[in-house]
Protein backbone atom coordinates (compact mmCIF):
# COMPACT_ATOMS: atom_id res chain seq x y z
CA MET A 1 62.52 -37.49 67.92
CA GLU A 2 58.54 -35.68 67.97
CA LYS A 3 58.31 -32.80 66.92
CA GLN A 4 58.68 -29.91 69.96
CA ASP A 5 56.12 -27.33 68.42
CA LEU A 6 53.00 -26.17 70.49
CA SER A 7 50.17 -27.59 68.80
CA SER A 8 51.80 -31.15 68.51
CA ALA A 9 52.22 -30.49 72.27
CA TYR A 10 48.80 -30.64 72.85
CA ARG A 11 47.50 -32.80 70.70
CA ARG A 12 49.74 -35.41 72.47
CA LEU A 13 48.00 -34.73 75.84
CA LYS A 14 45.06 -36.29 74.36
CA SER A 15 47.72 -39.83 74.40
CA PRO A 16 46.71 -42.96 75.87
CA ASN A 17 50.37 -42.91 76.71
CA ILE A 18 51.61 -41.96 79.90
CA LYS A 19 55.04 -41.15 78.89
CA THR A 20 54.13 -39.23 76.12
CA ARG A 21 51.53 -37.31 78.05
CA LYS A 22 54.17 -35.73 80.56
CA ARG A 23 56.42 -35.34 78.03
CA ALA A 24 54.12 -33.08 76.04
CA LEU A 25 53.19 -31.27 79.26
CA LYS A 26 56.73 -30.38 79.52
CA ILE A 27 56.87 -29.13 76.03
CA ILE A 28 53.77 -27.05 77.27
CA HIS A 29 55.07 -25.20 79.88
CA GLN A 30 58.61 -24.65 78.27
CA TYR A 31 56.57 -22.40 75.63
CA LYS A 32 54.71 -20.61 78.62
CA ARG A 33 57.69 -20.04 80.71
CA ASN A 34 59.59 -18.89 77.65
CA ASN A 35 56.61 -15.86 76.41
CA LYS A 36 56.33 -14.40 79.72
CA LYS A 37 59.64 -12.38 79.43
């Protein structure tokens, strides 16, 4: 399993792999949702 932190998620957005990009987006949205509280 890959790291679930924000910086690696942003790095993964530049990946050519679509599934990887989608997973990275999900992680980023999760962080944004948690930071609003």
